[in-house]
N, C-alpha and C. Protein backbone atom coordinates (compact mmCIF):
# COMPACT_ATOMS: atom_id res chain seq x y z
N UNK A 1 30.55 -54.24 -10.07
CA UNK A 1 31.18 -54.23 -8.77
C UNK A 1 31.46 -52.65 -8.55
N UNK A 2 31.38 -52.33 -7.16
CA UNK A 2 31.72 -51.02 -6.83
C UNK A 2 33.22 -50.92 -6.69
N UNK A 3 33.85 -49.80 -6.65
CA UNK A 3 35.24 -49.59 -6.61
C UNK A 3 35.83 -50.33 -5.37
N UNK A 4 35.01 -50.45 -4.31
CA UNK A 4 35.60 -51.11 -3.08
C UNK A 4 35.33 -52.61 -3.15
N UNK A 5 34.85 -53.08 -4.26
CA UNK A 5 34.68 -54.61 -4.50
C UNK A 5 33.38 -55.10 -4.06
N UNK A 6 32.41 -54.21 -3.55
CA UNK A 6 31.08 -54.67 -3.24
C UNK A 6 30.25 -54.92 -4.29
N UNK A 7 29.52 -55.98 -4.40
CA UNK A 7 28.69 -56.30 -5.56
C UNK A 7 27.59 -55.20 -5.55
N UNK A 8 27.19 -54.81 -6.81
CA UNK A 8 26.22 -53.75 -7.02
C UNK A 8 24.97 -53.92 -6.16
N UNK A 9 24.40 -55.05 -5.93
CA UNK A 9 23.19 -55.30 -5.26
C UNK A 9 23.33 -54.93 -3.87
N UNK A 10 24.56 -55.01 -3.28
CA UNK A 10 24.85 -54.76 -1.80
C UNK A 10 25.24 -53.32 -1.52
N UNK A 11 25.59 -52.50 -2.60
CA UNK A 11 26.07 -51.14 -2.38
C UNK A 11 24.87 -50.31 -1.92
N UNK A 12 24.94 -49.71 -0.87
CA UNK A 12 23.91 -48.83 -0.41
C UNK A 12 23.95 -47.45 -1.08
N UNK A 13 22.89 -46.92 -1.54
CA UNK A 13 22.77 -45.60 -1.98
C UNK A 13 23.03 -44.59 -0.87
N UNK A 14 23.69 -43.54 -1.13
CA UNK A 14 23.93 -42.52 -0.03
C UNK A 14 22.81 -41.62 0.00
N UNK A 15 22.31 -41.39 1.12
CA UNK A 15 21.33 -40.25 1.23
C UNK A 15 21.92 -38.99 0.87
N UNK A 16 21.13 -38.18 0.25
CA UNK A 16 21.72 -36.86 -0.08
C UNK A 16 20.90 -36.17 -1.15
N UNK A 17 21.54 -35.25 -1.67
CA UNK A 17 20.85 -34.28 -2.61
C UNK A 17 20.14 -34.92 -3.84
N UNK A 18 19.04 -34.31 -4.16
CA UNK A 18 18.35 -34.76 -5.43
C UNK A 18 18.90 -33.87 -6.53
N UNK A 19 18.61 -34.27 -7.76
CA UNK A 19 19.10 -33.39 -8.82
C UNK A 19 18.37 -32.16 -8.63
N UNK A 20 19.11 -31.03 -8.79
CA UNK A 20 18.51 -29.68 -8.60
C UNK A 20 17.28 -29.54 -9.38
N UNK A 21 16.22 -29.03 -8.74
CA UNK A 21 15.01 -28.74 -9.41
C UNK A 21 14.05 -30.04 -9.56
N UNK A 22 14.40 -31.13 -8.98
CA UNK A 22 13.58 -32.34 -9.01
C UNK A 22 12.20 -31.91 -8.59
N UNK A 23 11.14 -32.22 -9.31
CA UNK A 23 9.77 -31.71 -9.03
C UNK A 23 9.06 -32.75 -8.11
N UNK A 24 8.82 -32.30 -6.92
CA UNK A 24 8.18 -33.09 -5.90
C UNK A 24 6.93 -32.41 -5.40
N UNK A 25 5.74 -33.22 -5.45
CA UNK A 25 4.50 -32.77 -4.99
C UNK A 25 4.24 -33.33 -3.66
N UNK A 26 4.02 -32.52 -2.69
CA UNK A 26 3.73 -33.05 -1.23
C UNK A 26 2.18 -32.84 -1.16
N UNK A 27 1.44 -34.04 -1.06
CA UNK A 27 0.03 -33.97 -0.97
C UNK A 27 -0.40 -34.36 0.40
N UNK A 28 -1.03 -33.49 1.13
CA UNK A 28 -1.48 -33.73 2.54
C UNK A 28 -2.95 -34.19 2.44
N UNK A 29 -3.17 -35.36 2.97
CA UNK A 29 -4.42 -36.07 3.01
C UNK A 29 -5.03 -35.87 4.49
N UNK A 30 -5.95 -34.93 4.48
CA UNK A 30 -6.56 -34.65 5.86
C UNK A 30 -7.82 -33.89 5.73
N UNK A 31 -8.86 -34.45 6.36
CA UNK A 31 -10.18 -33.60 6.29
C UNK A 31 -10.01 -32.21 6.89
N UNK A 32 -9.26 -32.23 8.08
CA UNK A 32 -9.06 -30.93 8.78
C UNK A 32 -8.27 -29.87 8.04
N UNK A 33 -7.15 -30.35 7.37
CA UNK A 33 -6.30 -29.47 6.62
C UNK A 33 -7.20 -29.04 5.40
N UNK A 34 -7.85 -29.87 4.71
CA UNK A 34 -8.63 -29.46 3.53
C UNK A 34 -9.76 -28.52 3.87
N UNK A 35 -10.34 -28.63 5.13
CA UNK A 35 -11.41 -27.76 5.51
C UNK A 35 -10.87 -26.44 6.05
N UNK A 36 -9.48 -26.36 6.21
CA UNK A 36 -8.91 -25.12 6.76
C UNK A 36 -9.07 -24.98 8.26
N UNK A 37 -9.22 -25.97 9.02
CA UNK A 37 -9.26 -25.97 10.45
C UNK A 37 -8.17 -26.57 11.14
N UNK A 38 -7.18 -27.10 10.42
CA UNK A 38 -5.93 -27.72 11.00
C UNK A 38 -4.76 -27.27 10.29
N UNK A 39 -3.76 -26.98 10.92
CA UNK A 39 -2.50 -26.58 10.33
C UNK A 39 -1.80 -27.76 9.70
N UNK A 40 -1.16 -27.53 8.51
CA UNK A 40 -0.54 -28.71 7.75
C UNK A 40 0.85 -28.78 8.15
N UNK A 41 1.17 -29.26 9.34
CA UNK A 41 2.50 -29.36 9.82
C UNK A 41 3.36 -30.40 9.14
N UNK A 42 2.76 -31.58 8.84
CA UNK A 42 3.52 -32.60 8.13
C UNK A 42 3.96 -32.21 6.79
N UNK A 43 3.00 -31.48 6.10
CA UNK A 43 3.23 -31.12 4.67
C UNK A 43 4.42 -30.10 4.67
N UNK A 44 4.40 -29.19 5.65
CA UNK A 44 5.35 -28.12 5.82
C UNK A 44 6.74 -28.74 6.00
N UNK A 45 6.78 -29.83 6.93
CA UNK A 45 8.07 -30.45 7.39
C UNK A 45 8.61 -31.18 6.19
N UNK A 46 7.80 -31.87 5.43
CA UNK A 46 8.34 -32.60 4.23
C UNK A 46 8.73 -31.61 3.20
N UNK A 47 8.05 -30.60 2.95
CA UNK A 47 8.45 -29.54 1.96
C UNK A 47 9.81 -28.91 2.36
N UNK A 48 10.01 -28.66 3.63
CA UNK A 48 11.35 -28.10 4.11
C UNK A 48 12.49 -29.22 3.89
N UNK A 49 12.16 -30.40 4.06
CA UNK A 49 13.18 -31.49 3.92
C UNK A 49 13.59 -31.65 2.34
N UNK A 50 12.47 -31.76 1.62
CA UNK A 50 12.76 -31.85 0.16
C UNK A 50 13.51 -30.63 -0.46
N UNK A 51 13.23 -29.49 0.08
CA UNK A 51 14.01 -28.32 -0.39
C UNK A 51 15.47 -28.36 0.11
N UNK A 52 15.75 -28.91 1.31
CA UNK A 52 17.08 -29.16 1.73
C UNK A 52 17.85 -30.04 0.79
N UNK A 53 17.10 -31.06 0.25
CA UNK A 53 17.63 -32.02 -0.69
C UNK A 53 17.86 -31.53 -2.01
N UNK A 54 17.47 -30.24 -2.36
CA UNK A 54 17.64 -29.68 -3.59
C UNK A 54 16.30 -29.81 -4.56
N UNK A 55 15.21 -30.39 -4.05
CA UNK A 55 13.97 -30.43 -4.81
C UNK A 55 13.23 -29.22 -4.86
N UNK A 56 12.39 -29.12 -5.85
CA UNK A 56 11.38 -28.04 -6.06
C UNK A 56 10.05 -28.58 -5.64
N UNK A 57 9.40 -27.91 -4.65
CA UNK A 57 8.24 -28.49 -4.02
C UNK A 57 7.07 -27.65 -4.43
N UNK A 58 6.01 -28.44 -4.67
CA UNK A 58 4.55 -27.91 -4.78
C UNK A 58 3.72 -28.68 -3.81
N UNK A 59 2.79 -28.00 -3.15
CA UNK A 59 2.00 -28.57 -2.11
C UNK A 59 0.51 -28.59 -2.47
N UNK A 60 -0.18 -29.54 -1.98
CA UNK A 60 -1.63 -29.55 -2.20
C UNK A 60 -2.20 -30.34 -0.97
N UNK A 61 -3.51 -30.24 -0.86
CA UNK A 61 -4.24 -31.01 0.19
C UNK A 61 -5.54 -31.38 -0.35
N UNK A 62 -5.94 -32.56 0.22
CA UNK A 62 -7.35 -33.10 -0.13
C UNK A 62 -7.86 -33.78 1.08
N UNK A 63 -9.18 -33.84 1.13
CA UNK A 63 -9.89 -34.70 2.21
C UNK A 63 -9.54 -36.08 2.11
N UNK A 64 -9.93 -36.82 3.11
CA UNK A 64 -9.76 -38.26 3.18
C UNK A 64 -10.87 -39.01 2.43
N UNK A 65 -10.66 -38.95 1.01
CA UNK A 65 -11.66 -39.67 0.16
C UNK A 65 -10.87 -40.29 -0.93
N UNK A 66 -11.33 -41.59 -1.13
CA UNK A 66 -10.43 -42.38 -2.06
C UNK A 66 -10.39 -41.86 -3.47
N UNK A 67 -11.61 -41.40 -4.06
CA UNK A 67 -11.56 -40.96 -5.38
C UNK A 67 -10.75 -39.57 -5.50
N UNK A 68 -10.91 -38.78 -4.54
CA UNK A 68 -10.26 -37.48 -4.55
C UNK A 68 -8.73 -37.63 -4.43
N UNK A 69 -8.36 -38.54 -3.58
CA UNK A 69 -6.91 -38.70 -3.40
C UNK A 69 -6.32 -39.32 -4.72
N UNK A 70 -6.96 -40.34 -5.24
CA UNK A 70 -6.52 -40.89 -6.51
C UNK A 70 -6.39 -39.99 -7.64
N UNK A 71 -7.41 -39.12 -7.82
CA UNK A 71 -7.47 -38.05 -8.79
C UNK A 71 -6.22 -37.13 -8.62
N UNK A 72 -5.99 -36.68 -7.42
CA UNK A 72 -4.85 -35.74 -7.13
C UNK A 72 -3.58 -36.38 -7.42
N UNK A 73 -3.38 -37.67 -7.12
CA UNK A 73 -2.14 -38.40 -7.46
C UNK A 73 -1.92 -38.46 -8.88
N UNK A 74 -2.98 -38.78 -9.58
CA UNK A 74 -2.85 -39.04 -11.05
C UNK A 74 -2.60 -37.60 -11.76
N UNK A 75 -3.13 -36.63 -11.30
CA UNK A 75 -2.99 -35.24 -11.84
C UNK A 75 -1.56 -34.73 -11.55
N UNK A 76 -1.10 -34.98 -10.34
CA UNK A 76 0.18 -34.51 -9.97
C UNK A 76 1.40 -35.32 -10.69
N UNK A 77 0.98 -36.53 -11.04
CA UNK A 77 2.09 -37.35 -11.75
C UNK A 77 2.39 -36.76 -13.12
N UNK A 78 1.39 -36.01 -13.65
CA UNK A 78 1.81 -35.46 -15.06
C UNK A 78 2.83 -34.42 -15.07
N UNK A 79 3.15 -33.88 -13.90
CA UNK A 79 4.11 -32.75 -13.94
C UNK A 79 5.16 -32.90 -12.77
N UNK A 80 5.21 -34.02 -12.11
CA UNK A 80 6.21 -34.22 -11.00
C UNK A 80 6.82 -35.52 -11.11
N UNK A 81 8.10 -35.59 -10.55
CA UNK A 81 8.90 -36.82 -10.68
C UNK A 81 8.57 -37.75 -9.36
N UNK A 82 8.13 -37.07 -8.23
CA UNK A 82 7.91 -37.67 -7.01
C UNK A 82 6.64 -37.02 -6.40
N UNK A 83 5.77 -37.87 -5.81
CA UNK A 83 4.63 -37.53 -4.97
C UNK A 83 4.82 -38.12 -3.64
N UNK A 84 4.80 -37.25 -2.60
CA UNK A 84 4.79 -37.59 -1.21
C UNK A 84 3.43 -37.37 -0.66
N UNK A 85 2.69 -38.42 -0.27
CA UNK A 85 1.49 -38.12 0.42
C UNK A 85 1.87 -38.16 1.96
N UNK A 86 1.01 -37.42 2.79
CA UNK A 86 1.23 -37.49 4.22
C UNK A 86 -0.17 -37.56 4.78
N UNK A 87 -0.31 -38.49 5.53
CA UNK A 87 -1.71 -38.65 6.17
C UNK A 87 -2.50 -39.87 5.66
N UNK A 88 -3.44 -40.32 6.51
CA UNK A 88 -4.34 -41.41 5.95
C UNK A 88 -3.76 -42.76 5.82
N UNK A 89 -2.68 -43.16 6.67
CA UNK A 89 -2.02 -44.33 6.56
C UNK A 89 -2.37 -45.35 7.62
N UNK A 90 -3.20 -44.86 8.51
CA UNK A 90 -3.44 -45.60 9.80
C UNK A 90 -4.59 -46.61 9.75
N UNK A 91 -5.27 -46.87 10.83
CA UNK A 91 -6.24 -47.89 10.83
C UNK A 91 -7.76 -47.49 10.92
N UNK A 92 -7.97 -46.22 10.98
CA UNK A 92 -9.37 -45.73 11.13
C UNK A 92 -10.04 -45.80 9.78
N UNK A 93 -11.45 -45.76 9.82
CA UNK A 93 -12.15 -45.85 8.58
C UNK A 93 -11.82 -44.74 7.63
N UNK A 94 -11.49 -43.55 8.13
CA UNK A 94 -11.13 -42.51 7.18
C UNK A 94 -9.72 -42.53 6.67
N UNK A 95 -8.94 -43.41 7.06
CA UNK A 95 -7.48 -43.66 6.62
C UNK A 95 -7.55 -44.43 5.34
N UNK A 96 -7.67 -43.81 4.25
CA UNK A 96 -7.87 -44.50 2.96
C UNK A 96 -6.74 -44.09 1.93
N UNK A 97 -5.67 -43.49 2.28
CA UNK A 97 -4.57 -43.14 1.40
C UNK A 97 -3.98 -44.40 0.75
N UNK A 98 -3.78 -45.42 1.41
CA UNK A 98 -3.15 -46.65 0.62
C UNK A 98 -4.15 -47.15 -0.48
N UNK A 99 -5.36 -47.21 -0.08
CA UNK A 99 -6.40 -47.72 -1.06
C UNK A 99 -6.39 -46.85 -2.29
N UNK A 100 -6.46 -45.49 -1.99
CA UNK A 100 -6.44 -44.54 -3.17
C UNK A 100 -5.20 -44.60 -4.01
N UNK A 101 -4.12 -44.88 -3.30
CA UNK A 101 -2.77 -44.89 -3.99
C UNK A 101 -2.80 -46.20 -4.84
N UNK A 102 -3.16 -47.29 -4.22
CA UNK A 102 -3.14 -48.54 -5.06
C UNK A 102 -4.07 -48.49 -6.23
N UNK A 103 -5.22 -47.74 -6.13
CA UNK A 103 -6.02 -47.53 -7.28
C UNK A 103 -5.30 -46.71 -8.46
N UNK A 104 -4.42 -45.86 -7.92
CA UNK A 104 -3.81 -44.89 -8.92
C UNK A 104 -2.60 -45.46 -9.49
N UNK A 105 -1.68 -46.28 -8.93
CA UNK A 105 -0.44 -46.72 -9.38
C UNK A 105 -0.54 -47.91 -10.41
N UNK A 106 0.40 -47.98 -11.20
CA UNK A 106 0.46 -49.09 -12.17
C UNK A 106 1.08 -50.32 -11.44
N UNK A 107 2.02 -50.08 -10.60
CA UNK A 107 2.67 -51.10 -9.75
C UNK A 107 3.18 -50.58 -8.57
N UNK A 108 3.36 -51.42 -7.44
CA UNK A 108 3.91 -51.04 -6.29
C UNK A 108 5.38 -51.40 -6.11
N UNK A 109 6.02 -50.70 -5.13
CA UNK A 109 7.42 -50.94 -4.93
C UNK A 109 7.44 -51.34 -3.41
N UNK A 110 7.31 -52.62 -3.01
CA UNK A 110 7.11 -52.95 -1.70
C UNK A 110 8.25 -52.68 -0.78
N UNK A 111 9.42 -52.73 -1.34
CA UNK A 111 10.79 -52.44 -0.59
C UNK A 111 10.79 -51.18 0.15
N UNK A 112 10.30 -50.17 -0.48
CA UNK A 112 10.29 -48.81 0.12
C UNK A 112 9.41 -48.79 1.33
N UNK A 113 8.20 -49.30 1.16
CA UNK A 113 7.26 -49.35 2.27
C UNK A 113 7.85 -50.18 3.54
N UNK A 114 8.45 -51.37 3.12
CA UNK A 114 9.10 -52.25 4.17
C UNK A 114 10.22 -51.50 4.79
N UNK A 115 11.06 -50.85 4.06
CA UNK A 115 12.18 -50.06 4.74
C UNK A 115 11.67 -48.94 5.53
N UNK A 116 10.60 -48.28 5.29
CA UNK A 116 9.99 -47.33 6.21
C UNK A 116 9.52 -48.02 7.48
N UNK A 117 8.77 -49.09 7.32
CA UNK A 117 8.21 -49.67 8.63
C UNK A 117 9.44 -50.33 9.45
N UNK A 118 10.43 -50.82 8.85
CA UNK A 118 11.65 -51.36 9.59
C UNK A 118 12.32 -50.18 10.37
N UNK A 119 12.49 -49.06 9.59
CA UNK A 119 13.14 -47.92 10.38
C UNK A 119 12.23 -47.48 11.45
N UNK A 120 10.94 -47.36 11.23
CA UNK A 120 10.01 -46.86 12.26
C UNK A 120 9.99 -47.75 13.52
N UNK A 121 10.02 -49.09 13.21
CA UNK A 121 10.04 -50.04 14.28
C UNK A 121 11.16 -49.90 15.25
N UNK A 122 12.32 -49.23 14.81
CA UNK A 122 13.40 -49.04 15.73
C UNK A 122 13.03 -47.91 16.63
N UNK A 123 12.02 -47.09 16.31
CA UNK A 123 11.69 -45.93 17.08
C UNK A 123 10.41 -46.22 17.96
N UNK A 124 9.39 -46.89 17.30
CA UNK A 124 8.18 -47.20 17.96
C UNK A 124 7.58 -48.51 17.40
N UNK A 125 7.02 -49.38 18.26
CA UNK A 125 6.33 -50.58 17.65
C UNK A 125 5.10 -50.24 16.88
N UNK A 126 4.56 -49.02 17.12
CA UNK A 126 3.40 -48.65 16.34
C UNK A 126 3.60 -48.46 14.88
N UNK A 127 4.91 -48.35 14.47
CA UNK A 127 5.22 -48.29 13.11
C UNK A 127 4.66 -49.47 12.24
N UNK A 128 4.44 -50.54 12.88
CA UNK A 128 3.87 -51.70 12.13
C UNK A 128 2.42 -51.57 11.80
N UNK A 129 1.74 -50.56 12.35
CA UNK A 129 0.38 -50.17 12.12
C UNK A 129 0.23 -49.30 10.82
N UNK A 130 1.26 -48.80 10.35
CA UNK A 130 1.23 -47.90 9.06
C UNK A 130 1.00 -48.80 7.92
N UNK A 131 0.04 -48.41 7.05
CA UNK A 131 -0.36 -49.12 5.92
C UNK A 131 0.22 -48.49 4.72
N UNK A 132 1.08 -47.44 4.76
CA UNK A 132 1.55 -46.79 3.62
C UNK A 132 2.28 -47.72 2.63
N UNK A 133 2.20 -47.25 1.41
CA UNK A 133 2.83 -48.11 0.28
C UNK A 133 3.59 -47.04 -0.63
N UNK A 134 4.33 -47.69 -1.51
CA UNK A 134 4.94 -46.91 -2.56
C UNK A 134 4.67 -47.55 -3.94
N UNK A 135 4.64 -46.80 -5.00
CA UNK A 135 4.38 -47.24 -6.25
C UNK A 135 4.79 -46.25 -7.33
N UNK A 136 4.31 -46.58 -8.51
CA UNK A 136 4.64 -45.81 -9.77
C UNK A 136 3.42 -45.48 -10.65
N UNK A 137 3.19 -44.24 -10.90
CA UNK A 137 2.29 -43.78 -11.92
C UNK A 137 3.07 -43.15 -13.06
N UNK A 138 3.02 -43.76 -14.24
CA UNK A 138 3.80 -43.36 -15.30
C UNK A 138 5.26 -43.45 -15.02
N UNK A 139 5.91 -42.32 -14.95
CA UNK A 139 7.32 -42.36 -14.57
C UNK A 139 7.53 -41.52 -13.13
N UNK A 140 6.45 -41.57 -12.42
CA UNK A 140 6.39 -40.80 -11.17
C UNK A 140 6.42 -41.75 -9.98
N UNK A 141 7.32 -41.51 -8.98
CA UNK A 141 7.28 -42.32 -7.81
C UNK A 141 6.42 -41.71 -6.82
N UNK A 142 5.57 -42.49 -6.21
CA UNK A 142 4.56 -42.17 -5.21
C UNK A 142 4.91 -42.81 -3.92
N UNK A 143 5.04 -42.09 -2.76
CA UNK A 143 5.24 -42.71 -1.59
C UNK A 143 4.31 -42.08 -0.43
N UNK A 144 3.60 -43.08 0.21
CA UNK A 144 2.68 -42.70 1.25
C UNK A 144 3.51 -42.59 2.60
N UNK A 145 3.31 -41.50 3.35
CA UNK A 145 3.96 -41.24 4.62
C UNK A 145 2.92 -41.00 5.75
N UNK A 146 3.18 -41.18 7.03
CA UNK A 146 2.26 -40.96 8.02
C UNK A 146 1.98 -39.54 8.08
N UNK A 147 0.92 -39.18 8.81
CA UNK A 147 0.43 -37.80 8.94
C UNK A 147 1.03 -36.95 10.03
N UNK A 148 1.81 -37.48 10.99
CA UNK A 148 2.39 -36.65 11.98
C UNK A 148 3.72 -36.23 11.40
N UNK A 149 4.20 -35.00 11.79
CA UNK A 149 5.43 -34.51 11.23
C UNK A 149 6.59 -35.43 11.50
N UNK A 150 6.69 -35.91 12.69
CA UNK A 150 7.86 -36.80 13.11
C UNK A 150 7.84 -38.05 12.27
N UNK A 151 6.63 -38.72 12.21
CA UNK A 151 6.36 -39.91 11.52
C UNK A 151 6.74 -39.75 10.01
N UNK A 152 6.28 -38.60 9.42
CA UNK A 152 6.53 -38.36 8.04
C UNK A 152 7.92 -38.25 7.73
N UNK A 153 8.63 -37.42 8.57
CA UNK A 153 10.13 -37.23 8.33
C UNK A 153 10.92 -38.48 8.56
N UNK A 154 10.64 -39.22 9.64
CA UNK A 154 11.27 -40.50 9.86
C UNK A 154 11.10 -41.58 8.78
N UNK A 155 9.92 -41.63 8.30
CA UNK A 155 9.61 -42.58 7.20
C UNK A 155 10.33 -42.05 5.95
N UNK A 156 10.22 -40.82 5.70
CA UNK A 156 10.94 -40.31 4.41
C UNK A 156 12.35 -40.50 4.50
N UNK A 157 13.04 -40.36 5.70
CA UNK A 157 14.40 -40.62 5.86
C UNK A 157 14.82 -42.01 5.37
N UNK A 158 13.98 -42.98 5.73
CA UNK A 158 14.33 -44.26 5.29
C UNK A 158 14.20 -44.53 3.79
N UNK A 159 13.32 -43.71 3.14
CA UNK A 159 13.16 -43.83 1.65
C UNK A 159 14.29 -43.03 0.97
N UNK A 160 14.89 -42.01 1.52
CA UNK A 160 15.85 -41.16 0.97
C UNK A 160 17.02 -41.94 0.50
N UNK A 161 17.41 -43.07 1.08
CA UNK A 161 18.54 -43.93 0.61
C UNK A 161 18.48 -44.29 -0.86
N UNK A 162 17.30 -44.48 -1.33
CA UNK A 162 17.13 -44.91 -2.73
C UNK A 162 16.39 -44.01 -3.58
N UNK A 163 16.07 -42.86 -3.07
CA UNK A 163 15.25 -41.87 -3.83
C UNK A 163 15.90 -41.45 -5.04
N UNK A 164 17.02 -40.95 -5.05
CA UNK A 164 17.64 -40.46 -6.28
C UNK A 164 17.73 -41.45 -7.30
N UNK A 165 18.07 -42.74 -6.92
CA UNK A 165 18.32 -43.81 -7.83
C UNK A 165 16.89 -44.18 -8.43
N UNK A 166 15.93 -44.22 -7.65
CA UNK A 166 14.59 -44.50 -8.13
C UNK A 166 14.04 -43.51 -9.14
N UNK A 167 14.28 -42.29 -8.92
CA UNK A 167 14.00 -41.25 -9.74
C UNK A 167 14.68 -41.36 -11.13
N UNK A 168 15.92 -41.58 -11.09
CA UNK A 168 16.84 -41.69 -12.27
C UNK A 168 16.30 -42.91 -13.06
N UNK A 169 16.02 -44.08 -12.41
CA UNK A 169 15.59 -45.26 -13.09
C UNK A 169 14.28 -44.97 -13.81
N UNK A 170 13.30 -44.38 -13.04
CA UNK A 170 12.05 -44.14 -13.69
C UNK A 170 12.19 -43.15 -14.94
N UNK A 171 13.08 -42.20 -14.84
CA UNK A 171 13.18 -41.21 -15.87
C UNK A 171 13.70 -41.82 -17.18
N UNK A 172 14.36 -42.96 -17.05
CA UNK A 172 14.98 -43.70 -18.17
C UNK A 172 16.33 -43.10 -18.61
N UNK A 173 16.97 -43.57 -19.65
CA UNK A 173 16.58 -44.77 -20.36
C UNK A 173 16.50 -45.94 -19.43
N UNK A 174 15.75 -46.95 -19.79
CA UNK A 174 15.36 -48.02 -18.93
C UNK A 174 16.40 -49.07 -18.90
N UNK A 175 17.47 -49.02 -19.66
CA UNK A 175 18.63 -49.93 -19.55
C UNK A 175 19.68 -49.25 -18.68
N UNK A 176 19.93 -49.68 -17.51
CA UNK A 176 20.69 -48.93 -16.55
C UNK A 176 22.02 -48.42 -17.05
N UNK A 177 22.70 -49.19 -17.99
CA UNK A 177 23.98 -48.76 -18.38
C UNK A 177 23.95 -47.93 -19.65
N UNK A 178 22.84 -47.68 -20.30
CA UNK A 178 22.93 -46.96 -21.57
C UNK A 178 23.34 -45.54 -21.36
N UNK A 179 22.90 -44.89 -20.31
CA UNK A 179 23.26 -43.52 -19.99
C UNK A 179 24.70 -43.36 -19.67
N UNK A 180 25.31 -44.38 -19.23
CA UNK A 180 26.76 -44.22 -18.83
C UNK A 180 27.73 -44.78 -19.78
N UNK A 181 27.31 -45.57 -20.78
CA UNK A 181 28.15 -46.08 -21.71
C UNK A 181 28.44 -45.16 -22.90
N UNK A 182 29.76 -45.09 -23.24
CA UNK A 182 30.06 -44.24 -24.43
C UNK A 182 29.52 -44.92 -25.64
N UNK A 183 29.22 -44.01 -26.73
CA UNK A 183 28.57 -44.45 -27.93
C UNK A 183 29.47 -45.61 -28.57
N UNK A 184 28.73 -46.65 -29.13
CA UNK A 184 29.42 -47.73 -29.75
C UNK A 184 30.09 -48.77 -28.89
N UNK A 185 29.86 -48.58 -27.59
CA UNK A 185 30.49 -49.66 -26.62
C UNK A 185 29.34 -50.61 -26.19
N UNK A 186 29.51 -51.79 -26.37
CA UNK A 186 28.54 -52.86 -26.10
C UNK A 186 28.48 -53.02 -24.67
N UNK A 187 27.29 -53.37 -24.25
CA UNK A 187 26.97 -53.51 -22.75
C UNK A 187 27.52 -54.90 -22.25
N UNK A 188 28.16 -54.87 -21.11
CA UNK A 188 28.68 -55.98 -20.52
C UNK A 188 28.03 -56.17 -19.25
N UNK A 189 27.17 -57.39 -19.16
CA UNK A 189 26.40 -57.64 -17.89
C UNK A 189 27.13 -58.63 -17.07
N UNK A 190 28.26 -58.99 -17.28
CA UNK A 190 28.85 -60.13 -16.55
C UNK A 190 29.03 -59.84 -15.03
N UNK A 191 29.12 -58.54 -14.73
CA UNK A 191 29.25 -58.20 -13.23
C UNK A 191 27.97 -57.80 -12.58
N UNK A 192 26.93 -57.99 -13.26
CA UNK A 192 25.54 -57.50 -12.61
C UNK A 192 24.85 -58.71 -12.00
N UNK A 193 23.97 -58.38 -11.12
CA UNK A 193 23.16 -59.37 -10.45
C UNK A 193 21.85 -59.38 -11.30
N UNK A 194 20.93 -60.20 -10.83
CA UNK A 194 19.61 -60.33 -11.53
C UNK A 194 18.55 -59.41 -11.04
N UNK A 195 18.90 -58.47 -10.16
CA UNK A 195 17.86 -57.58 -9.58
C UNK A 195 17.62 -56.35 -10.56
């Protein structure tokens, strides 16, 4: 239970700062950006927001190609705690970021993608057409975001609520209370839920 008596599962994570220096890779997926003929406005906007939150940002860009996107995600996961992709989540034949991400991740985290679509739906019904997903490569969180600067920031804002906790959980130890428990104190799970 939280100090206010709220069960743990109902307690909302507060949006806010990342652990200083959290390594975040912003991967822009765009044929135009990769070819150098389009400005990377969504990548720049996400990098600025992550920096505001205390993260350390590295940026990259790739064309809309499944194997290239997957390879970039897998490579970035070796040295980053979070990968934010921007672009390629729509309905056109070149929008292949979700397929590439699905090929790279070990498992998906549907709740993050659902939260982004719910938040986006409050702004535009077109949010339902975003196919972005979230998942995990090793201990790295991967989140697909839309390619427009506003769409990317609005979707990322919905994920910020749980971002710090997800990063902490993936980093381990994987027993939630081990890091908080003094040495020699047995774990009591009587007040936890099954999630």
